[in-house]
Amino acid sequence: MAVNIINVKKLFLLIPVLLFCCYSCKKEPSTTNGVNFDLDLNESANAPLKQAGGYIITHNILVIHFLNNYFATASKCSFDSSLLSFNDTTARIVCPLNTCKYDINGEVKNGPTTTALKHYNAVLIGTTLSITGN
């Protein structure tokens, strides 16, 4: 009978530990997975965005100024994760290591990839460009 009492006491001691573990592993909705940042176009790092055809990569996002609009997509090729660039002559986002090309919204125009780039919202208010999305 003494063994059963000891086991019950151990069980009661373990309950708070188990509850803590379960609570700490509980998944809460995360706001860190989304994209939400502002770019001041007056800052020198963002100067290319003042010119039509200009682009920058920041926060792992390719931000492009084209045809008086701003566009934002993932900055890495969906085929091999290479950093992308923008060719304003062809209006294509291009991968320097393969033949992947995407349109201004990240849709595939030339493979080998078949996966579009993640697209984000880009809104200009004054000289502040806000990039948002999930």
N, C-alpha and C. Protein backbone atom coordinates (compact mmCIF):
# COMPACT_ATOMS: atom_id res chain seq x y z
N MET A 1 0.82 -1.19 0.00
CA MET A 1 0.00 0.00 0.00
C MET A 1 0.86 1.26 0.00
N ALA A 2 2.02 1.21 0.63
CA ALA A 2 2.92 2.36 0.67
C ALA A 2 3.42 2.71 -0.73
N VAL A 3 3.61 1.72 -1.58
CA VAL A 3 4.09 1.94 -2.95
C VAL A 3 3.06 2.74 -3.74
N ASN A 4 1.80 2.43 -3.60
CA ASN A 4 0.75 3.13 -4.32
C ASN A 4 0.65 4.58 -3.89
N ILE A 5 0.82 4.88 -2.62
CA ILE A 5 0.78 6.26 -2.14
C ILE A 5 1.95 7.05 -2.71
N ILE A 6 3.12 6.45 -2.76
CA ILE A 6 4.29 7.12 -3.33
C ILE A 6 4.06 7.40 -4.81
N ASN A 7 3.52 6.45 -5.55
CA ASN A 7 3.24 6.65 -6.97
C ASN A 7 2.21 7.75 -7.19
N VAL A 8 1.20 7.82 -6.33
CA VAL A 8 0.19 8.87 -6.43
C VAL A 8 0.82 10.22 -6.15
N LYS A 9 1.70 10.30 -5.16
CA LYS A 9 2.38 11.56 -4.84
C LYS A 9 3.25 11.99 -6.02
N LYS A 10 3.95 11.05 -6.65
CA LYS A 10 4.78 11.38 -7.81
C LYS A 10 3.91 11.88 -8.97
N LEU A 11 2.76 11.25 -9.12
CA LEU A 11 1.86 11.67 -10.18
C LEU A 11 1.41 13.11 -9.96
N PHE A 12 1.04 13.46 -8.72
CA PHE A 12 0.62 14.82 -8.43
C PHE A 12 1.75 15.82 -8.60
N LEU A 13 2.98 15.39 -8.36
CA LEU A 13 4.12 16.27 -8.59
C LEU A 13 4.38 16.48 -10.09
N LEU A 14 4.04 15.49 -10.90
CA LEU A 14 4.27 15.59 -12.34
C LEU A 14 3.20 16.41 -13.06
N ILE A 15 2.04 16.53 -12.49
CA ILE A 15 0.94 17.23 -13.16
C ILE A 15 1.32 18.68 -13.50
N PRO A 16 1.86 19.46 -12.57
CA PRO A 16 2.23 20.83 -12.95
C PRO A 16 3.28 20.88 -14.07
N VAL A 17 4.21 19.95 -14.04
CA VAL A 17 5.25 19.90 -15.08
C VAL A 17 4.61 19.59 -16.43
N LEU A 18 3.71 18.62 -16.46
CA LEU A 18 3.05 18.26 -17.70
C LEU A 18 2.17 19.40 -18.22
N LEU A 19 1.47 20.05 -17.33
CA LEU A 19 0.64 21.19 -17.74
C LEU A 19 1.49 22.31 -18.32
N PHE A 20 2.63 22.58 -17.69
CA PHE A 20 3.53 23.62 -18.20
C PHE A 20 4.02 23.26 -19.59
N CYS A 21 4.42 22.00 -19.78
CA CYS A 21 4.91 21.56 -21.08
C CYS A 21 3.83 21.68 -22.14
N CYS A 22 2.63 21.26 -21.81
CA CYS A 22 1.53 21.34 -22.78
C CYS A 22 1.21 22.79 -23.11
N TYR A 23 1.21 23.65 -22.12
CA TYR A 23 0.90 25.06 -22.34
C TYR A 23 1.99 25.72 -23.18
N SER A 24 3.25 25.41 -22.90
CA SER A 24 4.33 26.06 -23.63
C SER A 24 4.42 25.57 -25.07
N CYS A 25 3.90 24.38 -25.36
CA CYS A 25 3.92 23.86 -26.73
C CYS A 25 2.70 24.28 -27.53
N LYS A 26 1.73 24.86 -26.88
CA LYS A 26 0.51 25.27 -27.54
C LYS A 26 0.82 26.31 -28.60
N LYS A 27 0.30 26.12 -29.80
CA LYS A 27 0.56 27.06 -30.89
C LYS A 27 -0.43 28.20 -30.81
N GLU A 28 0.11 29.38 -30.72
CA GLU A 28 -0.69 30.59 -30.73
C GLU A 28 -0.64 31.17 -32.14
N PRO A 29 -1.66 31.90 -32.56
CA PRO A 29 -1.59 32.57 -33.84
C PRO A 29 -0.39 33.51 -33.85
N SER A 30 0.35 33.49 -34.92
CA SER A 30 1.56 34.29 -35.00
C SER A 30 1.38 35.43 -35.99
N THR A 31 1.82 36.62 -35.58
CA THR A 31 1.82 37.75 -36.49
C THR A 31 3.20 37.94 -37.10
N THR A 32 4.17 37.15 -36.65
CA THR A 32 5.52 37.32 -37.17
C THR A 32 5.70 36.65 -38.52
N ASN A 33 4.77 35.79 -38.94
CA ASN A 33 4.89 35.14 -40.24
C ASN A 33 4.53 36.06 -41.38
N GLY A 34 3.75 37.09 -41.12
CA GLY A 34 3.34 38.02 -42.16
C GLY A 34 4.43 39.06 -42.42
N VAL A 35 4.23 39.80 -43.50
CA VAL A 35 5.15 40.86 -43.88
C VAL A 35 4.43 42.18 -43.63
N ASN A 36 5.12 43.09 -42.96
CA ASN A 36 4.54 44.40 -42.68
C ASN A 36 5.68 45.36 -42.36
N PHE A 37 6.12 46.12 -43.36
CA PHE A 37 7.16 47.11 -43.12
C PHE A 37 7.00 48.29 -44.06
N ASP A 38 7.60 49.40 -43.68
CA ASP A 38 7.55 50.63 -44.47
C ASP A 38 8.94 50.98 -44.97
N LEU A 39 8.98 51.56 -46.15
CA LEU A 39 10.22 52.06 -46.74
C LEU A 39 10.07 53.56 -46.96
N ASP A 40 10.99 54.33 -46.43
CA ASP A 40 11.03 55.76 -46.67
C ASP A 40 11.82 55.98 -47.96
N LEU A 41 11.17 56.45 -49.00
CA LEU A 41 11.83 56.61 -50.28
C LEU A 41 12.88 57.72 -50.27
N ASN A 42 12.91 58.53 -49.21
CA ASN A 42 13.94 59.55 -49.08
C ASN A 42 15.25 59.02 -48.52
N GLU A 43 15.23 57.79 -47.98
CA GLU A 43 16.46 57.19 -47.47
C GLU A 43 17.30 56.71 -48.64
N SER A 44 18.61 56.88 -48.53
CA SER A 44 19.51 56.54 -49.64
C SER A 44 19.44 55.06 -50.04
N ALA A 45 19.21 54.18 -49.09
CA ALA A 45 19.13 52.74 -49.40
C ALA A 45 17.94 52.43 -50.31
N ASN A 46 16.93 53.28 -50.29
CA ASN A 46 15.72 53.06 -51.08
C ASN A 46 15.67 53.92 -52.34
N ALA A 47 16.73 54.66 -52.60
CA ALA A 47 16.77 55.58 -53.74
C ALA A 47 16.44 54.93 -55.08
N PRO A 48 16.87 53.68 -55.36
CA PRO A 48 16.51 53.08 -56.65
C PRO A 48 15.00 53.03 -56.91
N LEU A 49 14.21 53.04 -55.85
CA LEU A 49 12.76 52.96 -56.01
C LEU A 49 12.14 54.28 -56.48
N LYS A 50 12.92 55.34 -56.48
CA LYS A 50 12.42 56.62 -56.98
C LYS A 50 12.42 56.65 -58.51
N GLN A 51 13.20 55.79 -59.12
CA GLN A 51 13.32 55.75 -60.58
C GLN A 51 12.47 54.62 -61.14
N ALA A 52 11.78 54.90 -62.25
CA ALA A 52 11.03 53.85 -62.94
C ALA A 52 11.99 52.76 -63.37
N GLY A 53 11.64 51.52 -63.10
CA GLY A 53 12.51 50.39 -63.41
C GLY A 53 13.47 50.03 -62.30
N GLY A 54 13.51 50.84 -61.25
CA GLY A 54 14.40 50.59 -60.13
C GLY A 54 13.84 49.51 -59.21
N TYR A 55 14.74 48.85 -58.51
CA TYR A 55 14.31 47.82 -57.55
C TYR A 55 15.35 47.70 -56.44
N ILE A 56 14.90 47.15 -55.32
CA ILE A 56 15.78 46.80 -54.21
C ILE A 56 15.31 45.47 -53.64
N ILE A 57 16.20 44.85 -52.87
CA ILE A 57 15.84 43.68 -52.08
C ILE A 57 16.02 44.06 -50.62
N THR A 58 14.95 43.93 -49.87
CA THR A 58 14.98 44.23 -48.44
C THR A 58 14.00 43.32 -47.72
N HIS A 59 14.34 42.89 -46.53
CA HIS A 59 13.48 41.99 -45.75
C HIS A 59 13.13 40.74 -46.54
N ASN A 60 14.03 40.27 -47.40
CA ASN A 60 13.80 39.11 -48.27
C ASN A 60 12.67 39.33 -49.27
N ILE A 61 12.41 40.58 -49.60
CA ILE A 61 11.37 40.95 -50.54
C ILE A 61 12.01 41.75 -51.68
N LEU A 62 11.63 41.43 -52.91
CA LEU A 62 12.05 42.20 -54.08
C LEU A 62 10.99 43.27 -54.29
N VAL A 63 11.39 44.53 -54.19
CA VAL A 63 10.46 45.66 -54.34
C VAL A 63 10.83 46.38 -55.63
N ILE A 64 9.85 46.59 -56.50
CA ILE A 64 10.07 47.12 -57.84
C ILE A 64 9.20 48.34 -58.09
N HIS A 65 9.77 49.35 -58.76
CA HIS A 65 9.01 50.51 -59.24
C HIS A 65 8.93 50.36 -60.75
N PHE A 66 7.73 50.18 -61.27
CA PHE A 66 7.56 49.96 -62.70
C PHE A 66 6.20 50.50 -63.15
N LEU A 67 6.20 51.23 -64.27
CA LEU A 67 4.97 51.80 -64.83
C LEU A 67 4.17 52.60 -63.80
N ASN A 68 4.87 53.43 -63.05
CA ASN A 68 4.26 54.30 -62.03
C ASN A 68 3.56 53.54 -60.91
N ASN A 69 3.91 52.28 -60.75
CA ASN A 69 3.36 51.46 -59.66
C ASN A 69 4.50 50.77 -58.94
N TYR A 70 4.19 50.25 -57.75
CA TYR A 70 5.15 49.49 -56.97
C TYR A 70 4.65 48.07 -56.82
N PHE A 71 5.57 47.14 -56.90
CA PHE A 71 5.27 45.71 -56.81
C PHE A 71 6.24 45.08 -55.83
N ALA A 72 5.80 44.01 -55.17
CA ALA A 72 6.66 43.32 -54.20
C ALA A 72 6.42 41.82 -54.30
N THR A 73 7.51 41.08 -54.42
CA THR A 73 7.44 39.61 -54.47
C THR A 73 8.55 39.05 -53.60
N ALA A 74 8.53 37.72 -53.44
CA ALA A 74 9.64 37.05 -52.78
C ALA A 74 10.91 37.37 -53.57
N SER A 75 12.04 37.43 -52.90
CA SER A 75 13.29 37.83 -53.55
C SER A 75 14.13 36.66 -54.04
N LYS A 76 13.66 35.43 -53.78
CA LYS A 76 14.44 34.25 -54.16
C LYS A 76 13.68 33.39 -55.16
N CYS A 77 14.41 32.87 -56.12
CA CYS A 77 13.86 32.00 -57.16
C CYS A 77 13.17 30.80 -56.51
N SER A 78 11.98 30.48 -57.00
CA SER A 78 11.24 29.34 -56.44
C SER A 78 11.82 28.00 -56.90
N PHE A 79 12.78 28.04 -57.82
CA PHE A 79 13.41 26.80 -58.29
C PHE A 79 14.67 26.47 -57.50
N ASP A 80 15.57 27.48 -57.34
CA ASP A 80 16.86 27.18 -56.69
C ASP A 80 17.25 28.16 -55.59
N SER A 81 16.35 29.05 -55.19
CA SER A 81 16.56 30.01 -54.10
C SER A 81 17.64 31.06 -54.38
N SER A 82 17.99 31.26 -55.64
CA SER A 82 18.93 32.32 -56.00
C SER A 82 18.25 33.67 -55.85
N LEU A 83 19.03 34.70 -55.53
CA LEU A 83 18.48 36.05 -55.46
C LEU A 83 18.09 36.51 -56.86
N LEU A 84 16.91 37.11 -56.96
CA LEU A 84 16.37 37.54 -58.23
C LEU A 84 16.72 39.00 -58.52
N SER A 85 16.55 39.39 -59.77
CA SER A 85 16.70 40.79 -60.16
C SER A 85 15.53 41.14 -61.08
N PHE A 86 15.44 42.42 -61.44
CA PHE A 86 14.36 42.86 -62.32
C PHE A 86 14.95 43.48 -63.57
N ASN A 87 14.46 43.05 -64.72
CA ASN A 87 14.87 43.60 -66.00
C ASN A 87 13.74 44.50 -66.48
N ASP A 88 13.94 45.82 -66.41
CA ASP A 88 12.86 46.74 -66.78
C ASP A 88 12.62 46.79 -68.28
N THR A 89 13.57 46.36 -69.09
CA THR A 89 13.38 46.33 -70.54
C THR A 89 12.37 45.26 -70.94
N THR A 90 12.46 44.10 -70.30
CA THR A 90 11.54 43.00 -70.61
C THR A 90 10.37 42.91 -69.63
N ALA A 91 10.42 43.73 -68.57
CA ALA A 91 9.41 43.70 -67.51
C ALA A 91 9.32 42.32 -66.87
N ARG A 92 10.48 41.70 -66.66
CA ARG A 92 10.52 40.36 -66.07
C ARG A 92 11.44 40.34 -64.85
N ILE A 93 11.01 39.57 -63.87
CA ILE A 93 11.86 39.23 -62.73
C ILE A 93 12.66 38.01 -63.20
N VAL A 94 13.96 38.06 -63.05
CA VAL A 94 14.80 37.00 -63.62
C VAL A 94 15.72 36.39 -62.58
N CYS A 95 15.99 35.11 -62.78
CA CYS A 95 16.95 34.39 -61.96
C CYS A 95 18.28 34.36 -62.71
N PRO A 96 19.38 34.73 -62.07
CA PRO A 96 20.67 34.77 -62.76
C PRO A 96 21.29 33.39 -62.98
N LEU A 97 20.78 32.35 -62.33
CA LEU A 97 21.41 31.03 -62.42
C LEU A 97 20.68 30.02 -63.28
N ASN A 98 19.47 30.35 -63.71
CA ASN A 98 18.73 29.42 -64.58
C ASN A 98 17.86 30.25 -65.51
N THR A 99 16.95 29.64 -66.20
CA THR A 99 16.12 30.36 -67.16
C THR A 99 14.78 30.81 -66.59
N CYS A 100 14.62 30.75 -65.27
CA CYS A 100 13.35 31.15 -64.67
C CYS A 100 13.11 32.64 -64.86
N LYS A 101 11.90 32.94 -65.31
CA LYS A 101 11.46 34.33 -65.44
C LYS A 101 10.04 34.42 -64.92
N TYR A 102 9.75 35.54 -64.28
CA TYR A 102 8.44 35.78 -63.69
C TYR A 102 7.94 37.13 -64.16
N ASP A 103 6.62 37.29 -64.21
CA ASP A 103 6.09 38.61 -64.52
C ASP A 103 6.16 39.48 -63.27
N ILE A 104 5.71 40.71 -63.40
CA ILE A 104 5.84 41.70 -62.33
C ILE A 104 5.09 41.29 -61.05
N ASN A 105 4.12 40.38 -61.18
CA ASN A 105 3.35 39.90 -60.02
C ASN A 105 3.86 38.56 -59.50
N GLY A 106 4.95 38.05 -60.10
CA GLY A 106 5.54 36.81 -59.62
C GLY A 106 5.04 35.55 -60.30
N GLU A 107 4.18 35.69 -61.32
CA GLU A 107 3.69 34.52 -62.04
C GLU A 107 4.79 34.00 -62.97
N VAL A 108 4.91 32.68 -63.07
CA VAL A 108 5.95 32.06 -63.88
C VAL A 108 5.69 32.32 -65.37
N LYS A 109 6.72 32.80 -66.07
CA LYS A 109 6.64 33.01 -67.51
C LYS A 109 7.60 32.09 -68.25
N ASN A 110 8.61 31.60 -67.56
CA ASN A 110 9.57 30.67 -68.16
C ASN A 110 10.16 29.82 -67.06
N GLY A 111 10.24 28.50 -67.29
CA GLY A 111 10.73 27.54 -66.29
C GLY A 111 12.23 27.44 -66.27
N PRO A 112 12.74 26.50 -65.51
CA PRO A 112 12.14 25.22 -65.18
C PRO A 112 11.13 25.22 -64.03
N THR A 113 11.02 26.28 -63.27
CA THR A 113 10.08 26.26 -62.15
C THR A 113 8.64 26.31 -62.65
N THR A 114 7.74 25.80 -61.81
CA THR A 114 6.31 25.92 -62.07
C THR A 114 5.62 26.63 -60.91
N THR A 115 6.41 27.08 -59.94
CA THR A 115 5.88 27.70 -58.74
C THR A 115 6.04 29.22 -58.79
N ALA A 116 4.93 29.92 -58.68
CA ALA A 116 4.95 31.39 -58.68
C ALA A 116 5.65 31.91 -57.43
N LEU A 117 6.08 33.15 -57.52
CA LEU A 117 6.66 33.82 -56.35
C LEU A 117 5.54 34.35 -55.47
N LYS A 118 5.81 34.40 -54.18
CA LYS A 118 4.86 35.01 -53.25
C LYS A 118 4.76 36.49 -53.60
N HIS A 119 3.55 37.01 -53.64
CA HIS A 119 3.29 38.41 -54.00
C HIS A 119 2.80 39.17 -52.77
N TYR A 120 3.25 40.40 -52.61
CA TYR A 120 2.86 41.23 -51.47
C TYR A 120 2.24 42.53 -51.95
N ASN A 121 1.47 43.17 -51.08
CA ASN A 121 0.88 44.46 -51.40
C ASN A 121 1.93 45.55 -51.22
N ALA A 122 1.92 46.51 -52.12
CA ALA A 122 2.83 47.65 -52.04
C ALA A 122 2.00 48.91 -52.26
N VAL A 123 1.93 49.77 -51.24
CA VAL A 123 1.10 50.98 -51.31
C VAL A 123 1.96 52.18 -50.95
N LEU A 124 1.96 53.18 -51.83
CA LEU A 124 2.71 54.40 -51.61
C LEU A 124 1.79 55.49 -51.10
N ILE A 125 2.16 56.06 -49.95
CA ILE A 125 1.46 57.21 -49.39
C ILE A 125 2.53 58.26 -49.10
N GLY A 126 2.51 59.34 -49.85
CA GLY A 126 3.56 60.36 -49.72
C GLY A 126 4.87 59.76 -50.20
N THR A 127 5.85 59.73 -49.30
CA THR A 127 7.15 59.11 -49.64
C THR A 127 7.36 57.81 -48.86
N THR A 128 6.30 57.27 -48.30
CA THR A 128 6.36 56.02 -47.55
C THR A 128 5.71 54.91 -48.34
N LEU A 129 6.50 53.87 -48.62
CA LEU A 129 5.99 52.70 -49.33
C LEU A 129 5.77 51.59 -48.30
N SER A 130 4.53 51.17 -48.16
CA SER A 130 4.18 50.12 -47.20
C SER A 130 4.06 48.79 -47.92
N ILE A 131 4.77 47.77 -47.40
CA ILE A 131 4.74 46.42 -47.94
C ILE A 131 4.05 45.53 -46.92
N THR A 132 2.99 44.86 -47.34
CA THR A 132 2.23 43.99 -46.42
C THR A 132 1.81 42.71 -47.11
N GLY A 133 1.51 41.70 -46.32
CA GLY A 133 0.99 40.44 -46.84
C GLY A 133 1.34 39.28 -45.94
N ASN A 134 0.85 38.11 -46.29
CA ASN A 134 1.12 36.91 -45.50
C ASN A 134 2.02 35.96 -46.24
